[in-house]
Amino acid sequence: MTRPRAGGVGVSPTKQRALLAAIITLIAVLSLCIYVGASAGDGGVDDGKNSAGSRSGGNSAAPASAGTWVGAWAAAPVAGESGAKRVDTAGRSVRNIVHTSAGGAGARITLSNLYGRVPLTLTHVSIAVAAADNSPTAAKDTMRRLTFGGATSVTVPAGGQILSDAVRLQVPAGADLLVTTYAPSASGPATYHPYARQISYLADGDHAEDATGTPYRERTAIWRYLTSVDVLSDQANGTVVAFGDSITDGSTSTESANRRWPDAFAQRLRAAVAAGQDVPRYSVVNEGVSGNQILASLDGTPAINQSGLVRFGRDVLGRPNVKVVVIDLGVNDVLHGAAADRIVTGLRTLVRQAHARGIKVIGATLMPFGGHPHYSAGRNAVRQQVNAAIRSGTVYDAVVDFDKALRDPYDPRRFASEYDSGDHLHPSDRGYRKMAATIDLADLKGAVPAQL
């Protein structure tokens, strides 16, 4: 007979074993619940991009980890806003309107202070789907506050950029997004992308999460601070970057209508996928910069309108899951007197950099500019020399012949009249559509060749 211990209750060995088993089971169940709860609360997604802020920091609005991060929209930083028309962003909300090429279940943004001379402090940043095209009003229940490393405010050092945490948001393809920043104090000059061909909005005070759009009474034709929007997509599994000058930037296209050639190409690619064609499911982002050259940057530290050779790493290699880059660059080098062999060497340098990252390169021939004030027979001869090298197949993996598609067959020095915007250098809306239609979708497929 077992004698009970003083101050206790006697328990048989069988009951002790049963009690111990029950305790172990309870501990296992509690551990599983803790693990599942922690996993559900962590919305961070490792996409292989080594950038600060790529995890959600426990943001309750962070997306699930299914899908692939791709670029939905982009615009290169070009300069610091200056001059008599400069807008003071201190104490103001800047609501950028941007158009998506792919949809997804989550989003994140990149903000740049590349041309700022002092740190840029933003205390409120948001993203939402626009209620209608070109509207500063947010669609119902889509407004999200963005965080950076879990914090609701962020300071971007002068010369730097930052990637936000991911946020859960159903982003439609071919829709407008509202990305709003609020800076309580001056930093300046604001890093911006001029010639956006898109109206955005400004409001006095902090209205970053105002979904009505009512305070946004001032219109602006440039994008400030924002340089990219990525989406966590199950619709697209790779990114195409359109890399070029004002022709890619969409200069002379109809404002706020998304009629640049990369826009038209994104629409065409989405339509092909929807129709069941055997084409890659890629998004398209626009890294065109008006006035851009392959070889030369403008003055400044950092340089204004950085050359293609300087910015390629950031604007192409730095985008998520880039599979293909379409390069349409070189006309401005011709107009500034560069020799054909130097232009071709510069293009080949970009191709080598892309190949080192496993990115396929489609290259465009340079279109005519007969009738433009800077036209000369000598410059046209340089353009033709560059085009001969491109058509030879020794520069790019594949060639899209924009020159042949848009030139006047009776006077190949000029655009065909229906494709000319009127300045004899940039295409019309119809010309941009023709460019997008000229790219062979089959060229998006296939691996990077061992060598050209």
Protein backbone atom coordinates (compact mmCIF):
# COMPACT_ATOMS: atom_id res chain seq x y z
CA MET A 1 0.00 0.00 0.00
CA THR A 2 1.37 3.39 -0.95
CA ARG A 3 1.55 5.88 1.88
CA PRO A 4 0.63 9.43 0.92
CA ARG A 5 3.28 12.11 1.38
CA ALA A 6 2.70 14.72 4.01
CA GLY A 7 0.74 17.67 2.66
CA GLY A 8 -0.04 15.89 -0.64
CA VAL A 9 -2.41 13.45 -2.28
CA GLY A 10 -1.35 9.95 -3.15
CA VAL A 11 -1.33 9.16 -6.95
CA SER A 12 -0.81 5.72 -8.43
CA PRO A 13 1.98 5.17 -11.00
CA THR A 14 -0.63 4.46 -13.70
CA LYS A 15 -2.36 7.79 -13.09
CA GLN A 16 1.02 9.56 -13.02
CA ARG A 17 1.89 8.21 -16.48
CA ALA A 18 -1.52 9.20 -17.81
CA LEU A 19 -1.16 12.71 -16.40
CA LEU A 20 2.34 13.08 -17.90
CA ALA A 21 1.08 11.99 -21.33
CA ALA A 22 -1.74 14.54 -21.17
CA ILE A 23 0.69 17.34 -20.26
CA ILE A 24 2.98 16.44 -23.19
CA THR A 25 0.03 16.44 -25.60
CA LEU A 26 -1.10 19.85 -24.33
CA ILE A 27 2.39 21.30 -24.79
CA ALA A 28 2.54 19.99 -28.38
CA VAL A 29 -0.83 21.51 -29.24
CA LEU A 30 0.11 24.88 -27.74
CA SER A 31 3.43 24.88 -29.64
CA LEU A 32 1.64 24.20 -32.92
CA CYS A 33 -0.82 27.02 -32.29
CA ILE A 34 2.01 29.43 -31.52
CA TYR A 35 3.85 28.42 -34.72
CA VAL A 36 0.77 28.76 -36.92
CA GLY A 37 -0.10 32.12 -35.37
CA ALA A 38 3.41 33.47 -35.89
CA SER A 39 3.46 32.28 -39.50
CA ALA A 40 0.10 33.88 -40.24
CA GLY A 41 1.19 37.17 -38.71
CA ASP A 42 4.42 37.40 -40.69
CA GLY A 43 3.55 38.66 -44.15
CA GLY A 44 7.15 39.07 -45.24
CA VAL A 45 8.09 37.56 -48.59
CA ASP A 46 11.61 36.64 -49.57
CA ASP A 47 11.77 37.39 -53.28
CA GLY A 48 15.52 37.14 -53.66
CA LYS A 49 15.92 40.92 -53.92
CA ASN A 50 18.47 42.17 -51.43
CA SER A 51 16.79 45.44 -50.54
CA ALA A 52 15.93 46.95 -47.18
CA GLY A 53 12.28 46.81 -46.30
CA SER A 54 11.44 43.72 -48.36
CA ARG A 55 9.68 42.21 -45.33
CA SER A 56 6.44 43.44 -43.89
CA GLY A 57 7.61 43.83 -40.30
CA GLY A 58 4.42 42.13 -39.05
CA ASN A 59 2.10 44.47 -40.96
CA SER A 60 -1.41 43.06 -40.59
CA ALA A 61 -2.12 44.03 -44.18
CA ALA A 62 0.86 42.12 -45.57
CA PRO A 63 0.14 39.72 -48.44
CA ALA A 64 0.34 35.97 -48.37
CA SER A 65 3.57 34.56 -49.80
CA ALA A 66 2.01 33.00 -52.93
CA GLY A 67 2.98 34.55 -56.24
CA THR A 68 5.96 36.24 -57.86
CA TRP A 69 7.17 39.80 -57.40
CA VAL A 70 7.16 41.62 -60.74
CA GLY A 71 7.30 45.26 -61.78
CA ALA A 72 3.84 46.75 -62.34
CA TRP A 73 5.03 50.32 -63.01
CA ALA A 74 8.31 52.23 -62.97
CA ALA A 75 9.82 55.60 -63.83
CA ALA A 76 13.50 56.51 -63.63
CA PRO A 77 14.62 59.37 -61.37
CA VAL A 78 15.91 62.09 -63.67
CA ALA A 79 16.82 65.21 -61.68
CA GLY A 80 16.07 67.36 -58.64
CA GLU A 81 13.13 69.68 -59.10
CA SER A 82 14.37 73.26 -59.46
CA GLY A 83 13.63 76.58 -61.11
CA ALA A 84 10.85 79.10 -60.82
CA LYS A 85 8.12 76.47 -61.20
CA ARG A 86 9.52 74.24 -58.46
CA VAL A 87 6.86 72.97 -56.04
CA ASP A 88 7.60 73.12 -52.31
CA THR A 89 6.48 69.72 -50.99
CA ALA A 90 6.96 70.59 -47.28
CA GLY A 91 3.64 70.26 -45.46
CA ARG A 92 1.96 68.93 -48.59
CA SER A 93 0.59 65.61 -49.78
CA VAL A 94 1.86 64.42 -53.18
CA ARG A 95 -0.56 61.98 -54.83
CA ASN A 96 1.12 60.29 -57.80
CA ILE A 97 -1.15 58.53 -60.28
CA VAL A 98 0.46 55.55 -62.02
CA HIS A 99 -0.88 52.85 -64.36
CA THR A 100 -0.30 49.13 -63.77
CA SER A 101 0.79 46.61 -66.39
CA ALA A 102 0.11 43.60 -64.15
CA GLY A 103 -2.11 42.82 -61.19
CA GLY A 104 -1.51 41.00 -57.94
CA ALA A 105 -2.53 40.38 -54.35
CA GLY A 106 0.10 42.59 -52.76
CA ALA A 107 2.14 45.68 -53.49
CA ARG A 108 5.27 47.55 -52.45
CA ILE A 109 6.88 50.75 -53.68
CA THR A 110 10.31 52.31 -54.08
CA LEU A 111 10.91 55.94 -53.11
CA SER A 112 14.00 57.87 -54.20
CA ASN A 113 15.90 60.81 -52.76
CA LEU A 114 18.68 60.50 -55.34
CA TYR A 115 18.85 64.23 -56.01
CA GLY A 116 18.04 65.42 -52.50
CA ARG A 117 20.78 67.35 -50.72
CA VAL A 118 19.52 66.47 -47.23
CA PRO A 119 17.60 63.48 -45.82
CA LEU A 120 13.94 63.20 -46.86
CA THR A 121 11.57 62.47 -43.96
CA LEU A 122 8.13 61.16 -44.83
CA THR A 123 5.69 60.64 -41.97
CA HIS A 124 2.78 59.27 -43.97
CA VAL A 125 2.79 57.16 -47.14
CA SER A 126 -0.18 55.34 -48.66
CA ILE A 127 -1.30 53.34 -51.67
CA ALA A 128 -4.78 52.75 -53.09
CA VAL A 129 -6.56 51.75 -56.27
CA ALA A 130 -8.08 54.77 -58.02
CA ALA A 131 -11.88 54.86 -58.18
CA ALA A 132 -11.68 55.83 -61.87
CA ASP A 133 -9.03 56.60 -64.46
CA ASN A 134 -7.04 59.73 -63.60
CA SER A 135 -9.06 60.34 -60.43
CA PRO A 136 -7.48 61.27 -57.06
CA THR A 137 -10.36 59.43 -55.34
CA ALA A 138 -9.65 55.95 -53.99
CA ALA A 139 -11.84 52.94 -54.73
CA LYS A 140 -13.79 51.75 -51.69
CA ASP A 141 -11.80 49.81 -49.08
CA THR A 142 -8.52 49.96 -51.02
CA MET A 143 -6.64 52.63 -49.05
CA ARG A 144 -3.57 51.18 -47.29
CA ARG A 145 -0.96 52.87 -45.12
CA LEU A 146 2.56 51.79 -46.06
CA THR A 147 5.32 51.00 -43.60
CA PHE A 148 9.09 50.76 -43.83
CA GLY A 149 10.70 48.13 -41.66
CA GLY A 150 7.47 48.17 -39.67
CA ALA A 151 7.60 51.94 -39.05
CA THR A 152 4.97 54.35 -40.37
CA SER A 153 7.52 57.09 -41.03
CA VAL A 154 10.80 56.85 -42.89
CA THR A 155 13.87 58.96 -43.56
CA VAL A 156 15.55 58.44 -46.93
CA PRO A 157 19.16 59.64 -46.93
CA ALA A 158 20.34 62.11 -49.55
CA GLY A 159 21.30 60.12 -52.63
CA GLY A 160 19.43 57.04 -51.44
CA GLN A 161 16.27 55.08 -52.08
CA ILE A 162 14.09 52.76 -49.99
CA LEU A 163 11.72 49.87 -50.60
CA SER A 164 8.51 49.75 -48.55
CA ASP A 165 7.15 46.75 -46.71
CA ALA A 166 4.67 44.65 -48.64
CA VAL A 167 0.97 45.35 -48.12
CA ARG A 168 -2.06 43.22 -48.95
CA LEU A 169 -3.99 44.88 -51.79
CA GLN A 170 -5.86 43.49 -54.78
CA VAL A 171 -4.21 45.39 -57.63
CA PRO A 172 -5.94 45.07 -61.02
CA ALA A 173 -3.94 44.97 -64.24
CA GLY A 174 -4.42 48.03 -66.45
CA ALA A 175 -5.66 50.19 -63.57
CA ASP A 176 -4.57 53.45 -61.97
CA LEU A 177 -3.00 53.45 -58.51
CA LEU A 178 -2.70 56.36 -56.08
CA VAL A 179 0.62 56.53 -54.25
CA THR A 180 0.72 59.43 -51.78
CA THR A 181 3.58 60.81 -49.70
CA TYR A 182 3.53 63.46 -46.99
CA ALA A 183 6.65 65.34 -45.87
CA PRO A 184 6.13 67.63 -42.87
CA SER A 185 9.28 69.67 -43.46
CA ALA A 186 11.50 70.81 -46.30
CA SER A 187 14.16 68.49 -47.69
CA GLY A 188 14.62 69.44 -51.34
CA PRO A 189 15.12 69.34 -54.10
CA ALA A 190 12.48 66.70 -54.79
CA THR A 191 13.72 63.83 -56.95
CA TYR A 192 11.36 63.72 -59.90
CA HIS A 193 10.53 62.36 -63.35
CA PRO A 194 9.51 65.15 -65.73
CA TYR A 195 7.40 64.70 -68.86
CA ALA A 196 5.31 62.04 -67.14
CA ARG A 197 2.42 62.45 -69.62
CA GLN A 198 0.19 61.84 -66.63
CA ILE A 199 -1.63 64.29 -64.36
CA SER A 200 -1.07 63.75 -60.63
CA TYR A 201 -2.25 65.85 -57.67
CA LEU A 202 -1.13 67.92 -54.67
CA ALA A 203 -2.92 68.93 -51.46
CA ASP A 204 -2.00 71.18 -48.54
CA GLY A 205 -1.59 69.30 -45.25
CA ASP A 206 -1.49 65.60 -44.48
CA HIS A 207 -4.16 63.91 -46.58
CA ALA A 208 -2.22 60.77 -47.42
CA GLU A 209 -5.12 58.50 -46.44
CA ASP A 210 -7.92 60.75 -47.64
CA ALA A 211 -9.94 58.46 -49.90
CA THR A 212 -12.32 61.16 -51.14
CA GLY A 213 -9.71 63.04 -53.16
CA THR A 214 -11.48 66.29 -52.28
CA PRO A 215 -8.38 68.12 -50.92
CA TYR A 216 -6.43 67.36 -54.10
CA ARG A 217 -7.18 70.52 -56.05
CA GLU A 218 -3.76 71.22 -57.59
CA ARG A 219 -2.73 69.31 -60.71
CA THR A 220 0.86 68.47 -61.58
CA ALA A 221 2.40 66.90 -64.69
CA ILE A 222 5.37 65.18 -63.04
CA TRP A 223 6.01 62.23 -60.70
CA ARG A 224 7.83 62.98 -57.43
CA TYR A 225 9.82 60.57 -55.22
CA LEU A 226 8.10 57.41 -56.52
CA THR A 227 10.20 55.27 -58.88
CA SER A 228 8.51 51.86 -58.86
CA VAL A 229 5.50 49.81 -57.85
CA ASP A 230 5.92 46.04 -57.64
CA VAL A 231 3.08 43.55 -57.24
CA LEU A 232 2.97 40.02 -55.85
CA SER A 233 1.38 38.46 -58.88
CA ASP A 234 -0.15 35.17 -59.93
CA GLN A 235 -0.89 36.70 -63.33
CA ALA A 236 2.71 37.43 -64.35
CA ASN A 237 5.94 35.60 -63.52
CA GLY A 238 8.50 37.94 -65.03
CA THR A 239 9.17 41.55 -65.99
CA VAL A 240 9.99 43.16 -69.34
CA VAL A 241 11.82 46.48 -69.08
CA ALA A 242 11.47 49.03 -71.88
CA PHE A 243 14.72 50.99 -71.74
CA GLY A 244 15.11 54.09 -73.86
CA ASP A 245 14.81 57.84 -74.36
CA SER A 246 11.86 60.20 -74.94
CA ILE A 247 10.39 57.87 -77.54
CA THR A 248 10.04 55.19 -74.85
CA ASP A 249 9.10 57.79 -72.24
CA GLY A 250 6.11 58.61 -74.43
CA SER A 251 6.86 62.22 -75.25
CA THR A 252 4.08 63.67 -77.46
CA SER A 253 1.64 60.86 -76.58
CA THR A 254 -1.79 61.95 -75.35
CA GLU A 255 -1.58 63.04 -71.72
CA SER A 256 -3.19 60.79 -69.08
CA ALA A 257 -4.25 58.26 -71.71
CA ASN A 258 -1.43 55.67 -71.35
CA ARG A 259 -0.61 55.63 -75.05
CA ARG A 260 3.16 55.24 -74.81
CA TRP A 261 4.49 52.24 -76.73
CA PRO A 262 5.29 50.25 -73.54
CA ASP A 263 1.66 50.77 -72.43
CA ALA A 264 0.39 49.50 -75.78
CA PHE A 265 2.79 46.56 -75.61
CA ALA A 266 1.64 45.63 -72.10
CA GLN A 267 -1.98 45.67 -73.30
CA ARG A 268 -1.09 43.52 -76.30
CA LEU A 269 0.79 40.99 -74.16
CA ARG A 270 -2.07 40.72 -71.65
CA ALA A 271 -4.54 40.20 -74.48
CA ALA A 272 -2.37 37.45 -75.98
CA VAL A 273 -2.18 35.64 -72.64
CA ALA A 274 -5.95 35.97 -72.14
CA ALA A 275 -6.52 34.52 -75.61
CA GLY A 276 -4.48 31.45 -74.70
CA GLN A 277 -1.55 32.19 -77.00
CA ASP A 278 1.77 30.53 -76.24
CA VAL A 279 3.50 33.64 -74.91
CA PRO A 280 5.22 34.41 -71.60
CA ARG A 281 3.18 35.92 -68.77
CA TYR A 282 5.24 39.07 -68.28
CA SER A 283 4.57 42.55 -66.95
CA VAL A 284 6.03 45.59 -68.73
CA VAL A 285 7.63 48.62 -67.07
CA ASN A 286 8.77 51.84 -68.71
CA GLU A 287 12.31 53.06 -68.00
CA GLY A 288 12.39 55.72 -70.70
CA VAL A 289 13.99 59.10 -69.99
CA SER A 290 13.50 62.07 -72.29
CA GLY A 291 16.80 63.29 -73.71
CA ASN A 292 18.65 60.19 -72.58
CA GLN A 293 21.88 59.11 -74.26
CA ILE A 294 23.79 55.85 -74.09
CA LEU A 295 27.16 57.51 -73.60
CA ALA A 296 26.77 60.91 -71.92
CA SER A 297 25.13 62.22 -68.75
CA LEU A 298 24.40 65.86 -68.04
CA ASP A 299 26.20 67.90 -65.40
CA GLY A 300 25.66 67.59 -61.67
CA THR A 301 26.53 65.39 -58.71
CA PRO A 302 24.86 63.01 -59.06
CA ALA A 303 24.58 63.64 -62.78
CA ILE A 304 21.25 64.82 -64.15
CA ASN A 305 19.71 62.53 -66.76
CA GLN A 306 22.25 59.79 -66.18
CA SER A 307 23.48 58.01 -69.29
CA GLY A 308 22.20 54.58 -70.24
CA LEU A 309 25.52 53.07 -69.21
CA VAL A 310 25.24 54.63 -65.74
CA ARG A 311 21.58 53.92 -64.98
CA PHE A 312 21.23 50.46 -66.53
CA GLY A 313 22.13 48.68 -63.30
CA ARG A 314 19.46 50.52 -61.31
CA ASP A 315 16.69 50.80 -63.90
CA VAL A 316 16.98 47.35 -65.47
CA LEU A 317 19.09 44.98 -63.39
CA GLY A 318 17.56 46.38 -60.19
CA ARG A 319 13.96 45.62 -61.16
CA PRO A 320 12.38 42.39 -59.84
CA ASN A 321 12.47 39.19 -61.91
CA VAL A 322 13.51 40.83 -65.17
CA LYS A 323 13.44 38.32 -68.02
CA VAL A 324 13.73 40.59 -71.07
CA VAL A 325 14.87 44.15 -71.76
CA VAL A 326 13.85 45.99 -74.94
CA ILE A 327 16.43 48.68 -75.72
CA ASP A 328 15.51 51.63 -77.95
CA LEU A 329 18.35 54.05 -77.32
CA GLY A 330 20.86 55.92 -79.45
CA VAL A 331 19.03 58.65 -81.37
CA ASN A 332 20.12 61.37 -78.94
CA ASP A 333 23.73 60.17 -79.21
CA VAL A 334 23.45 60.57 -82.98
CA LEU A 335 21.94 64.05 -82.60
CA HIS A 336 24.80 65.05 -80.25
CA GLY A 337 27.45 63.96 -82.75
CA ALA A 338 28.59 60.59 -81.37
CA ALA A 339 30.30 58.22 -83.80
CA ALA A 340 28.52 55.04 -84.87
CA ASP A 341 31.20 52.71 -83.51
CA ARG A 342 31.05 54.31 -80.05
CA ILE A 343 27.25 54.01 -80.00
CA VAL A 344 27.38 50.34 -80.98
CA THR A 345 30.10 49.65 -78.41
CA GLY A 346 27.91 51.22 -75.74
CA LEU A 347 24.94 49.07 -76.76
CA ARG A 348 27.07 45.93 -76.62
CA THR A 349 28.19 46.88 -73.12
CA LEU A 350 24.54 46.99 -72.00
CA VAL A 351 23.93 43.59 -73.61
CA ARG A 352 26.88 42.03 -71.77
CA GLN A 353 25.59 43.37 -68.46
CA ALA A 354 22.13 41.94 -69.15
CA HIS A 355 23.52 38.56 -70.19
CA ALA A 356 25.54 38.36 -66.99
CA ARG A 357 22.21 38.39 -65.14
CA GLY A 358 20.49 35.95 -67.51
CA ILE A 359 18.36 38.65 -69.16
CA LYS A 360 17.48 38.41 -72.85
CA VAL A 361 17.92 41.59 -74.93
CA ILE A 362 15.70 42.73 -77.79
CA GLY A 363 17.11 45.77 -79.57
CA ALA A 364 15.40 48.34 -81.76
CA THR A 365 16.68 50.04 -84.86
CA LEU A 366 16.82 53.84 -84.66
CA MET A 367 13.90 55.58 -86.32
CA PRO A 368 14.26 58.43 -88.86
CA PHE A 369 14.25 62.12 -87.98
CA GLY A 370 14.18 63.80 -91.38
CA GLY A 371 12.57 67.23 -91.09
CA HIS A 372 13.72 67.70 -87.49
CA PRO A 373 15.75 70.91 -86.90
CA HIS A 374 18.85 68.86 -86.01
CA TYR A 375 18.66 66.63 -89.04
CA SER A 376 21.67 66.47 -91.34
CA ALA A 377 22.82 64.04 -93.98
CA GLY A 378 25.86 63.21 -91.85
CA ARG A 379 23.81 62.38 -88.77
CA ASN A 380 21.43 60.29 -90.84
CA ALA A 381 24.43 58.37 -92.18
CA VAL A 382 25.52 57.61 -88.59
CA ARG A 383 22.00 56.39 -87.79
CA GLN A 384 22.10 54.08 -90.80
CA GLN A 385 25.50 52.71 -89.75
CA VAL A 386 24.16 51.91 -86.27
CA ASN A 387 21.09 50.27 -87.79
CA ALA A 388 23.25 48.16 -90.13
CA ALA A 389 25.15 46.81 -87.10
CA ILE A 390 21.89 46.10 -85.26
CA ARG A 391 20.33 44.31 -88.24
CA SER A 392 23.48 42.20 -88.69
CA GLY A 393 22.58 40.29 -85.53
CA THR A 394 25.88 41.04 -83.79
CA VAL A 395 24.51 43.45 -81.17
CA TYR A 396 21.25 42.04 -79.72
CA ASP A 397 19.66 38.64 -79.17
CA ALA A 398 16.69 39.68 -81.32
CA VAL A 399 15.88 42.78 -83.38
CA VAL A 400 12.68 44.80 -83.66
CA ASP A 401 12.87 47.00 -86.73
CA PHE A 402 11.06 50.16 -85.62
CA ASP A 403 12.77 52.09 -88.42
CA LYS A 404 11.33 49.89 -91.15
CA ALA A 405 7.88 49.81 -89.53
CA LEU A 406 7.43 53.58 -89.17
CA ARG A 407 9.48 55.21 -91.95
CA ASP A 408 8.00 56.66 -95.11
CA PRO A 409 8.60 54.04 -97.83
CA TYR A 410 8.99 56.84 -100.39
CA ASP A 411 11.38 58.91 -98.24
CA PRO A 412 13.05 56.66 -95.62
CA ARG A 413 14.73 59.67 -94.01
CA ARG A 414 11.32 60.58 -92.50
CA PHE A 415 8.42 59.07 -90.59
CA ALA A 416 5.37 58.04 -92.57
CA SER A 417 2.97 60.92 -92.07
CA GLU A 418 0.41 58.87 -90.10
CA TYR A 419 3.09 57.92 -87.56
CA ASP A 420 4.63 61.39 -87.12
CA SER A 421 3.61 63.46 -84.08
CA GLY A 422 4.49 66.55 -86.09
CA ASP A 423 7.94 67.24 -84.65
CA HIS A 424 9.57 64.67 -87.00
CA LEU A 425 11.36 62.94 -84.11
CA HIS A 426 8.62 61.40 -81.95
CA PRO A 427 5.78 59.15 -83.09
CA SER A 428 2.10 59.96 -82.82
CA ASP A 429 -0.25 57.82 -80.72
CA ARG A 430 -0.79 55.72 -83.82
CA GLY A 431 2.96 55.45 -84.27
CA TYR A 432 3.41 54.24 -80.69
CA ARG A 433 0.75 51.56 -81.28
CA LYS A 434 2.59 50.51 -84.44
CA MET A 435 5.82 50.14 -82.45
CA ALA A 436 4.11 47.89 -79.90
CA ALA A 437 2.57 45.80 -82.68
CA THR A 438 5.97 45.35 -84.39
CA ILE A 439 7.62 43.42 -81.54
CA ASP A 440 7.53 39.66 -82.18
CA LEU A 441 6.07 38.06 -79.04
CA ALA A 442 8.02 34.89 -79.82
CA ASP A 443 11.23 36.84 -79.18
CA LEU A 444 10.27 37.07 -75.50
CA LYS A 445 10.80 33.33 -75.17
CA GLY A 446 14.02 31.38 -75.07
CA ALA A 447 17.23 31.48 -73.11
CA VAL A 448 20.09 33.94 -73.41
CA PRO A 449 22.52 32.71 -76.09
CA ALA A 450 26.06 31.75 -75.12
CA GLN A 451 27.38 34.57 -77.28
CA LEU A 452 26.35 36.73 -80.20
